[in-house]
Amino acid sequence: METNSHPEAVASTVKQGQYSPRKRKDTAPKVNPQLAIELFFQEMGRIEAYTKRIEDATSRKVQIDGKSLESAENRLKNVLSDFERQGYRMKNGGY
């Protein structure tokens, strides 16, 4: 009597030569929930600090731009008043 050296092969429903995909193990990484929460809040703190720096820089830029516009407006007013004075002198024979 012949004995099969691989009894599980006889019980298999897969024919010899037929492709049988391997069963995959769960490859999802195991996550420590407490560590995940700590990392999340650490990253949120970093994002909030970065956002605050951007907001501060933007407000400083607005203040600088406002001062620059005010300065330019004053210079233009001075140039205009000089032209008005020169025009008045020319009209009245000052030149």
Protein backbone atom coordinates (compact mmCIF):
# COMPACT_ATOMS: atom_id res chain seq x y z
CA MET A 1 0.00 0.00 0.00
CA GLU A 2 1.31 3.38 -0.97
CA THR A 3 1.37 6.09 1.64
CA ASN A 4 1.25 9.67 0.61
CA SER A 5 4.07 11.66 2.15
CA HIS A 6 1.98 14.85 1.87
CA PRO A 7 -1.52 14.12 3.10
CA GLU A 8 -2.52 17.82 3.00
CA ALA A 9 -1.91 17.88 -0.75
CA VAL A 10 -4.59 15.24 -1.21
CA ALA A 11 -7.12 17.25 0.80
CA SER A 12 -6.42 20.42 -1.19
CA THR A 13 -9.02 21.50 -3.74
CA VAL A 14 -6.37 23.21 -5.86
CA LYS A 15 -5.18 21.22 -8.84
CA GLN A 16 -1.47 20.75 -9.26
CA GLY A 17 0.03 23.48 -11.42
CA GLN A 18 -2.83 25.90 -10.74
CA TYR A 19 -1.80 29.30 -9.34
CA SER A 20 -2.67 29.61 -5.71
CA PRO A 21 -2.10 33.07 -4.28
CA ARG A 22 -0.53 33.16 -0.87
CA LYS A 23 -2.59 34.46 1.94
CA ARG A 24 -1.19 37.78 3.01
CA LYS A 25 -0.43 38.56 6.55
CA ASP A 26 -1.82 41.75 7.97
CA THR A 27 0.89 44.27 7.07
CA ALA A 28 -0.79 47.26 8.70
CA PRO A 29 1.59 48.77 11.22
CA LYS A 30 0.62 48.43 14.83
CA VAL A 31 -0.10 51.83 16.33
CA ASN A 32 0.28 52.84 19.92
CA PRO A 33 -2.83 55.04 20.45
CA GLN A 34 -1.26 57.07 23.27
CA LEU A 35 1.85 57.79 21.19
CA ALA A 36 -0.31 58.70 18.19
CA ILE A 37 -2.26 61.21 20.30
CA GLU A 38 0.93 62.73 21.70
CA LEU A 39 2.44 63.06 18.22
CA PHE A 40 -0.77 64.59 16.91
CA PHE A 41 -0.85 67.29 19.60
CA GLN A 42 2.87 67.93 19.19
CA GLU A 43 2.36 68.48 15.46
CA MET A 44 -0.68 70.71 16.11
CA GLY A 45 1.44 72.85 18.42
CA ARG A 46 4.09 73.17 15.74
CA ILE A 47 1.46 74.18 13.16
CA GLU A 48 -0.06 76.76 15.52
CA ALA A 49 3.38 78.30 16.20
CA TYR A 50 4.09 78.47 12.46
CA THR A 51 0.69 80.05 11.78
CA LYS A 52 1.28 82.62 14.54
CA ARG A 53 4.64 83.58 13.03
CA ILE A 54 2.99 84.08 9.63
CA GLU A 55 0.21 86.20 11.16
CA ASP A 56 2.74 88.34 13.06
CA ALA A 57 4.88 88.84 9.96
CA THR A 58 1.81 89.78 7.94
CA SER A 59 0.65 92.35 10.49
CA ARG A 60 4.16 93.87 10.63
CA LYS A 61 4.18 94.07 6.83
CA VAL A 62 0.81 95.82 6.86
CA GLN A 63 2.10 98.32 9.44
CA ILE A 64 5.25 98.97 7.39
CA ASP A 65 3.24 99.34 4.21
CA GLY A 66 0.86 101.74 5.97
CA LYS A 67 3.78 103.89 7.16
CA SER A 68 5.33 103.82 3.68
CA LEU A 69 2.06 104.92 2.10
CA GLU A 70 1.67 107.71 4.65
CA SER A 71 5.24 108.86 3.99
CA ALA A 72 4.71 108.78 0.22
CA GLU A 73 1.46 110.72 0.61
CA ASN A 74 3.25 113.41 2.63
CA ARG A 75 6.03 113.67 0.05
CA LEU A 76 3.47 114.05 -2.73
CA LYS A 77 1.66 116.76 -0.77
CA ASN A 78 4.97 118.60 -0.34
CA VAL A 79 5.74 118.35 -4.08
CA LEU A 80 2.23 119.57 -4.90
CA SER A 81 2.51 122.53 -2.56
CA ASP A 82 5.91 123.41 -4.11
CA PHE A 83 4.34 123.36 -7.58
CA GLU A 84 1.47 125.51 -6.34
CA ARG A 85 3.93 128.04 -4.88
CA GLN A 86 5.99 128.10 -8.08
CA GLY A 87 2.82 128.50 -10.15
CA TYR A 88 1.70 131.39 -7.94
CA ARG A 89 5.12 133.09 -8.31
CA MET A 90 5.08 132.61 -12.07
CA LYS A 91 1.57 134.02 -12.27
CA ASN A 92 2.50 137.04 -10.23
CA GLY A 93 5.78 137.71 -12.05
CA GLY A 94 8.11 136.31 -9.44
CA TYR A 95 10.32 134.70 -12.12
